């Protein structure tokens, strides 16, 4: 059993809040998310709506112990699955609200995606790496 330390609880609350905000944004203002969705994704408006719901459900699940483990895995997989949209956004230089974002935005965003994946797994207790004590 992985200990639920204070840093893990704080990081979990921060990640849950971030996913809750993102999920609401997907539902309230889907246009920017639809714009960066790759062409090969069918029914982009529906997919964006469903991803918003998934983010909200995952954020709630992180805060409920019986669902925490599954929510962490789900959010990690979610972050992996939306990575192609982030790559598409960067490589196609898609403007959001008329603004072209530079690589100062895209570079860190793409590089931090594995950290977000790990973060979901760590705060949900799926992994303790790299903080596990050696035996």
C-alpha atoms as a PDB file:
ATOM      1  CA  UNK A   1       0.000   0.000   0.000  1.00  0.00           C
ATOM      2  CA  UNK A   2       1.361   3.400  -0.994  1.00  0.00           C
ATOM      3  CA  UNK A   3       1.275   6.033   1.749  1.00  0.00           C
ATOM      4  CA  UNK A   4      -0.990   9.029   1.191  1.00  0.00           C
ATOM      5  CA  UNK A   5       1.425  11.772   2.261  1.00  0.00           C
ATOM      6  CA  UNK A   6       0.636  15.447   2.620  1.00  0.00           C
ATOM      7  CA  UNK A   7       2.581  16.373  -0.561  1.00  0.00           C
ATOM      8  CA  UNK A   8       0.628  13.716  -2.478  1.00  0.00           C
ATOM      9  CA  UNK A   9      -2.694  15.052  -1.142  1.00  0.00           C
ATOM     10  CA  UNK A  10      -1.779  18.628  -2.106  1.00  0.00           C
ATOM     11  CA  UNK A  11      -0.589  17.567  -5.570  1.00  0.00           C
ATOM     12  CA  UNK A  12      -3.798  15.549  -5.999  1.00  0.00           C
ATOM     13  CA  UNK A  13      -5.973  18.553  -5.114  1.00  0.00           C
ATOM     14  CA  UNK A  14      -4.026  20.777  -7.524  1.00  0.00           C
ATOM     15  CA  UNK A  15      -4.327  18.255 -10.365  1.00  0.00           C
ATOM     16  CA  UNK A  16      -8.013  17.649  -9.650  1.00  0.00           C
ATOM     17  CA  UNK A  17      -8.668  21.400  -9.721  1.00  0.00           C
ATOM     18  CA  UNK A  18      -6.726  21.778 -12.981  1.00  0.00           C
ATOM     19  CA  UNK A  19      -8.704  18.974 -14.634  1.00  0.00           C
ATOM     20  CA  UNK A  20     -11.977  20.382 -13.285  1.00  0.00           C
ATOM     21  CA  UNK A  21     -11.198  23.812 -14.772  1.00  0.00           C
ATOM     22  CA  UNK A  22     -10.116  22.246 -18.072  1.00  0.00           C
ATOM     23  CA  UNK A  23     -13.235  20.081 -18.202  1.00  0.00           C
ATOM     24  CA  UNK A  24     -15.532  23.046 -17.644  1.00  0.00           C
ATOM     25  CA  UNK A  25     -13.601  24.975 -20.322  1.00  0.00           C
ATOM     26  CA  UNK A  26     -14.126  22.111 -22.781  1.00  0.00           C
ATOM     27  CA  UNK A  27     -17.874  22.303 -22.177  1.00  0.00           C
ATOM     28  CA  UNK A  28     -18.279  26.090 -22.011  1.00  0.00           C
ATOM     29  CA  UNK A  29     -15.842  27.153 -24.754  1.00  0.00           C
ATOM     30  CA  UNK A  30     -15.180  24.200 -27.057  1.00  0.00           C
ATOM     31  CA  UNK A  31     -14.102  26.246 -30.098  1.00  0.00           C
ATOM     32  CA  UNK A  32     -10.384  26.375 -29.342  1.00  0.00           C
ATOM     33  CA  UNK A  33     -10.291  22.678 -28.503  1.00  0.00           C
ATOM     34  CA  UNK A  34     -12.152  21.792 -31.689  1.00  0.00           C
ATOM     35  CA  UNK A  35      -9.707  23.950 -33.688  1.00  0.00           C
ATOM     36  CA  UNK A  36      -6.681  21.949 -32.513  1.00  0.00           C
ATOM     37  CA  UNK A  37      -8.321  18.541 -32.936  1.00  0.00           C
ATOM     38  CA  UNK A  38      -6.583  16.602 -35.735  1.00  0.00           C
ATOM     39  CA  UNK A  39      -8.633  16.005 -38.892  1.00  0.00           C
ATOM     40  CA  UNK A  40      -8.580  12.231 -38.397  1.00  0.00           C
ATOM     41  CA  UNK A  41     -10.644  12.526 -35.181  1.00  0.00           C
ATOM     42  CA  UNK A  42     -14.310  11.874 -36.038  1.00  0.00           C
ATOM     43  CA  UNK A  43     -17.039  14.172 -34.692  1.00  0.00           C
ATOM     44  CA  UNK A  44     -14.672  16.661 -33.041  1.00  0.00           C
ATOM     45  CA  UNK A  45     -17.411  18.626 -31.234  1.00  0.00           C
ATOM     46  CA  UNK A  46     -18.740  15.441 -29.658  1.00  0.00           C
ATOM     47  CA  UNK A  47     -15.240  14.283 -28.760  1.00  0.00           C
ATOM     48  CA  UNK A  48     -14.471  17.622 -27.097  1.00  0.00           C
ATOM     49  CA  UNK A  49     -17.702  17.428 -25.102  1.00  0.00           C
ATOM     50  CA  UNK A  50     -16.881  13.880 -24.004  1.00  0.00           C
ATOM     51  CA  UNK A  51     -13.326  14.831 -23.070  1.00  0.00           C
ATOM     52  CA  UNK A  52     -14.674  17.654 -20.923  1.00  0.00           C
ATOM     53  CA  UNK A  53     -16.958  15.232 -19.140  1.00  0.00           C
ATOM     54  CA  UNK A  54     -14.046  12.792 -18.735  1.00  0.00           C
ATOM     55  CA  UNK A  55     -11.860  15.516 -17.196  1.00  0.00           C
ATOM     56  CA  UNK A  56     -14.575  16.491 -14.722  1.00  0.00           C
ATOM     57  CA  UNK A  57     -15.277  12.859 -13.821  1.00  0.00           C
ATOM     58  CA  UNK A  58     -11.551  12.191 -13.406  1.00  0.00           C
ATOM     59  CA  UNK A  59     -11.091  15.219 -11.180  1.00  0.00           C
ATOM     60  CA  UNK A  60     -13.952  14.103  -8.947  1.00  0.00           C
ATOM     61  CA  UNK A  61     -12.687  10.510  -8.973  1.00  0.00           C
ATOM     62  CA  UNK A  62      -9.242  11.614  -7.775  1.00  0.00           C
ATOM     63  CA  UNK A  63     -10.834  13.057  -4.659  1.00  0.00           C
ATOM     64  CA  UNK A  64     -12.924   9.964  -3.838  1.00  0.00           C
ATOM     65  CA  UNK A  65     -10.811   7.125  -2.399  1.00  0.00           C
ATOM     66  CA  UNK A  66     -12.860   4.257  -3.904  1.00  0.00           C
ATOM     67  CA  UNK A  67     -12.386   5.740  -7.403  1.00  0.00           C
ATOM     68  CA  UNK A  68      -8.926   7.287  -7.018  1.00  0.00           C
ATOM     69  CA  UNK A  69      -6.897   4.475  -8.570  1.00  0.00           C
ATOM     70  CA  UNK A  70      -9.154   4.180 -11.636  1.00  0.00           C
ATOM     71  CA  UNK A  71      -9.345   7.972 -12.011  1.00  0.00           C
ATOM     72  CA  UNK A  72      -5.553   8.228 -11.973  1.00  0.00           C
ATOM     73  CA  UNK A  73      -5.186   5.598 -14.682  1.00  0.00           C
ATOM     74  CA  UNK A  74      -7.996   7.197 -16.682  1.00  0.00           C
ATOM     75  CA  UNK A  75      -6.503  10.681 -16.488  1.00  0.00           C
ATOM     76  CA  UNK A  76      -3.046   9.375 -17.388  1.00  0.00           C
ATOM     77  CA  UNK A  77      -4.504   7.638 -20.452  1.00  0.00           C
ATOM     78  CA  UNK A  78      -6.501  10.758 -21.254  1.00  0.00           C
ATOM     79  CA  UNK A  79      -3.333  12.904 -21.177  1.00  0.00           C
ATOM     80  CA  UNK A  80      -1.650  10.403 -23.480  1.00  0.00           C
ATOM     81  CA  UNK A  81      -4.591  10.394 -25.899  1.00  0.00           C
ATOM     82  CA  UNK A  82      -4.817  14.192 -26.206  1.00  0.00           C
ATOM     83  CA  UNK A  83      -1.097  14.547 -26.873  1.00  0.00           C
ATOM     84  CA  UNK A  84      -1.667  14.247 -30.664  1.00  0.00           C
ATOM     85  CA  UNK A  85      -3.945  17.312 -30.518  1.00  0.00           C
ATOM     86  CA  UNK A  86      -1.204  19.253 -28.745  1.00  0.00           C
ATOM     87  CA  UNK A  87       1.336  18.120 -31.350  1.00  0.00           C
ATOM     88  CA  UNK A  88      -1.084  19.021 -34.165  1.00  0.00           C
ATOM     89  CA  UNK A  89      -1.638  22.442 -32.589  1.00  0.00           C
ATOM     90  CA  UNK A  90       2.112  23.083 -32.445  1.00  0.00           C
ATOM     91  CA  UNK A  91       3.120  21.737 -35.860  1.00  0.00           C
ATOM     92  CA  UNK A  92       0.189  23.279 -37.728  1.00  0.00           C
ATOM     93  CA  UNK A  93       0.560  26.652 -35.959  1.00  0.00           C
ATOM     94  CA  UNK A  94      -3.187  26.839 -35.353  1.00  0.00           C
ATOM     95  CA  UNK A  95      -4.167  30.243 -33.942  1.00  0.00           C
ATOM     96  CA  UNK A  96      -6.473  30.437 -30.945  1.00  0.00           C
ATOM     97  CA  UNK A  97      -8.684  33.529 -30.948  1.00  0.00           C
ATOM     98  CA  UNK A  98      -6.490  34.866 -33.745  1.00  0.00           C
ATOM     99  CA  UNK A  99      -3.285  34.455 -31.746  1.00  0.00           C
ATOM    100  CA  UNK A 100      -0.428  32.284 -33.030  1.00  0.00           C
ATOM    101  CA  UNK A 101       1.369  30.788 -30.050  1.00  0.00           C
ATOM    102  CA  UNK A 102       5.148  30.447 -30.201  1.00  0.00           C
ATOM    103  CA  UNK A 103       7.354  27.517 -29.336  1.00  0.00           C
ATOM    104  CA  UNK A 104       7.836  29.203 -25.952  1.00  0.00           C
ATOM    105  CA  UNK A 105       4.293  27.931 -25.325  1.00  0.00           C
ATOM    106  CA  UNK A 106       4.254  24.724 -27.372  1.00  0.00           C
ATOM    107  CA  UNK A 107       7.690  23.395 -26.353  1.00  0.00           C
ATOM    108  CA  UNK A 108       7.060  23.277 -22.594  1.00  0.00           C
ATOM    109  CA  UNK A 109       3.484  22.099 -23.136  1.00  0.00           C
ATOM    110  CA  UNK A 110       4.629  19.122 -25.197  1.00  0.00           C
ATOM    111  CA  UNK A 111       7.588  18.358 -22.932  1.00  0.00           C
ATOM    112  CA  UNK A 112       5.449  18.427 -19.784  1.00  0.00           C
ATOM    113  CA  UNK A 113       2.861  15.941 -21.073  1.00  0.00           C
ATOM    114  CA  UNK A 114       4.812  12.937 -19.664  1.00  0.00           C
ATOM    115  CA  UNK A 115       5.003  14.763 -16.322  1.00  0.00           C
ATOM    116  CA  UNK A 116       1.213  15.200 -16.318  1.00  0.00           C
ATOM    117  CA  UNK A 117       0.819  11.497 -17.082  1.00  0.00           C
ATOM    118  CA  UNK A 118       3.152  10.585 -14.208  1.00  0.00           C
ATOM    119  CA  UNK A 119       1.451  13.131 -11.926  1.00  0.00           C
ATOM    120  CA  UNK A 120      -1.956  11.482 -12.392  1.00  0.00           C
ATOM    121  CA  UNK A 121      -0.463   8.073 -11.617  1.00  0.00           C
ATOM    122  CA  UNK A 122       1.478   9.320  -8.579  1.00  0.00           C
ATOM    123  CA  UNK A 123      -1.324  11.311  -6.918  1.00  0.00           C
ATOM    124  CA  UNK A 124      -3.712   8.387  -7.342  1.00  0.00           C
ATOM    125  CA  UNK A 125      -1.303   5.939  -5.721  1.00  0.00           C
ATOM    126  CA  UNK A 126      -0.781   3.869  -8.856  1.00  0.00           C
ATOM    127  CA  UNK A 127       2.964   4.463  -8.593  1.00  0.00           C
ATOM    128  CA  UNK A 128       5.352   5.681  -5.946  1.00  0.00           C
ATOM    129  CA  UNK A 129       8.207   6.195  -8.373  1.00  0.00           C
ATOM    130  CA  UNK A 130      10.636   7.879  -7.880  1.00  0.00           C
ATOM    131  CA  UNK A 131       9.901   8.381  -4.196  1.00  0.00           C
ATOM    132  CA  UNK A 132       9.667   4.746  -3.101  1.00  0.00           C
ATOM    133  CA  UNK A 133      12.100   3.754  -0.389  1.00  0.00           C
ATOM    134  CA  UNK A 134      14.589   1.129  -1.379  1.00  0.00           C
ATOM    135  CA  UNK A 135      14.482  -2.058   0.650  1.00  0.00           C
END
